[in-house]
Protein backbone atom coordinates (compact mmCIF):
# COMPACT_ATOMS: atom_id res chain seq x y z
CA MET A 1 -20.62 -28.43 -71.32
CA LYS A 2 -23.53 -29.45 -69.11
CA LYS A 3 -25.22 -31.24 -71.93
CA ILE A 4 -22.06 -32.62 -73.83
CA LEU A 5 -21.50 -34.54 -70.31
CA LEU A 6 -25.14 -34.80 -69.33
CA THR A 7 -25.28 -36.83 -72.71
CA ILE A 8 -22.39 -38.81 -72.30
CA ILE A 9 -23.29 -39.95 -68.78
CA VAL A 10 -26.96 -41.35 -69.96
CA MET A 11 -25.29 -42.94 -73.00
CA MET A 12 -22.56 -44.90 -70.77
CA VAL A 13 -26.01 -45.92 -67.98
CA PHE A 14 -27.95 -46.80 -71.42
CA CYS A 15 -25.03 -49.14 -72.03
CA PHE A 16 -24.33 -50.61 -69.06
CA VAL A 17 -27.70 -51.47 -68.38
CA LYS A 18 -27.63 -52.99 -71.60
CA ALA A 19 -24.92 -55.23 -71.34
CA GLN A 20 -26.31 -56.72 -68.14
CA LYS A 21 -27.85 -59.94 -68.72
CA ASN A 22 -31.19 -61.37 -66.89
CA PRO A 23 -29.89 -62.82 -63.93
CA PHE A 24 -33.39 -64.55 -63.10
CA GLN A 25 -33.23 -65.98 -66.62
CA ARG A 26 -34.67 -69.78 -66.70
CA VAL A 27 -34.64 -72.67 -68.86
CA ASN A 28 -37.61 -72.27 -71.50
CA ILE A 29 -39.58 -75.00 -71.08
CA PRO A 30 -41.88 -76.51 -73.20
CA ASP A 31 -45.70 -76.65 -71.89
CA SER A 32 -46.02 -80.26 -72.00
CA ILE A 33 -43.15 -80.47 -69.43
CA PHE A 34 -44.30 -77.35 -67.82
CA LEU A 35 -47.91 -78.85 -67.18
CA ARG A 36 -46.14 -82.12 -65.90
CA LEU A 37 -43.90 -80.55 -63.58
CA GLU A 38 -46.94 -78.18 -61.81
CA GLU A 39 -48.80 -81.58 -61.44
CA ALA A 40 -45.64 -83.29 -59.61
CA TYR A 41 -44.98 -80.15 -57.57
CA THR A 42 -47.12 -80.97 -54.70
CA ILE A 43 -47.41 -77.87 -52.32
CA ASP A 44 -50.27 -76.33 -50.56
CA ALA A 45 -50.40 -73.04 -52.45
CA LYS A 46 -51.52 -73.01 -55.73
CA ASP A 47 -50.26 -71.77 -58.81
CA VAL A 48 -46.32 -71.73 -57.34
CA ASN A 49 -45.28 -71.33 -60.89
CA ALA A 50 -43.03 -73.87 -60.46
CA GLY A 51 -43.12 -75.37 -64.17
CA ARG A 52 -41.41 -72.03 -65.35
CA ASN A 53 -38.62 -71.74 -63.01
CA VAL A 54 -35.93 -74.60 -64.07
CA ILE A 55 -32.23 -74.01 -64.04
CA ASN A 56 -29.76 -76.53 -65.64
CA LEU A 57 -28.03 -78.31 -62.86
CA SER A 58 -25.21 -79.55 -65.42
CA ASN A 59 -24.87 -75.24 -66.90
CA SER A 60 -27.14 -72.78 -65.55
CA ARG A 61 -26.28 -70.84 -68.06
CA ASP A 62 -27.53 -73.18 -70.66
CA PHE A 63 -31.40 -72.05 -71.59
CA VAL A 64 -32.26 -74.58 -74.20
CA PHE A 65 -34.11 -77.21 -73.09
CA LYS A 66 -32.58 -80.44 -73.53
CA ASN A 67 -31.78 -83.79 -72.15
CA GLY A 68 -30.13 -83.45 -68.74
CA ILE A 69 -30.18 -83.10 -65.19
CA TYR A 70 -32.27 -80.00 -63.71
CA SER A 71 -34.33 -78.05 -60.86
CA PHE A 72 -37.63 -76.62 -60.48
CA LYS A 73 -39.28 -74.97 -57.42
CA GLY A 74 -42.12 -72.05 -56.15
CA GLN A 75 -41.28 -68.80 -56.57
CA GLY A 76 -40.34 -67.87 -53.37
CA PRO A 77 -37.01 -68.90 -51.42
CA HIS A 78 -39.38 -71.07 -48.84
CA TYR A 79 -40.27 -73.27 -51.55
CA PRO A 80 -37.72 -76.95 -51.48
CA ARG A 81 -36.39 -77.45 -54.41
CA LYS A 82 -36.85 -80.80 -56.71
CA ILE A 83 -35.07 -82.76 -59.14
CA PHE A 84 -35.57 -83.74 -62.46
CA ILE A 85 -33.93 -85.84 -65.13
CA PHE A 86 -35.11 -85.59 -69.03
CA ASN A 87 -34.03 -87.99 -71.47
CA ASN A 88 -34.73 -88.80 -74.56
CA ASP A 89 -38.41 -87.32 -74.58
CA MET A 90 -38.99 -88.95 -71.23
CA LEU A 91 -39.29 -87.10 -67.92
CA PHE A 92 -37.98 -88.22 -65.14
CA ILE A 93 -39.28 -86.68 -61.44
CA PHE A 94 -37.64 -87.28 -58.19
CA ASN A 95 -39.80 -87.48 -54.60
CA ASN A 96 -37.04 -85.08 -52.52
CA GLU A 97 -38.27 -83.12 -50.43
CA GLY A 98 -35.36 -80.15 -51.19
CA ALA A 99 -32.14 -81.28 -53.34
CA PHE A 100 -30.67 -83.40 -50.19
CA ASN A 101 -33.09 -85.47 -49.11
CA PRO A 102 -34.27 -87.42 -52.09
CA LYS A 103 -36.89 -90.19 -51.68
CA ASP A 104 -37.91 -91.71 -55.08
CA LYS A 105 -39.00 -91.69 -58.37
CA ALA A 106 -42.64 -89.62 -58.97
CA ILE A 107 -43.81 -89.77 -62.87
């Protein structure tokens, strides 16, 4: 009886874990765009991986890179967020300090 109960519990935990989606999944960025985002993210620290930490601002559950407006930031809570627009192979990165203080277009 204990063996059956243990098997059921293990199966339930396994099914629960498999049903969970990755809460930290980000948009899949092409390498060419990744390099441009890394160059535009000017922070004193090196290798903050800002070009891979991209979120679609129109639909945060859409992980396919296409025309749209996105945010990106370094890995960690203390890095400011930057915004960029991708439209027909053109990339517009805004010079801003965080998401709420836009200044100008960087690239």
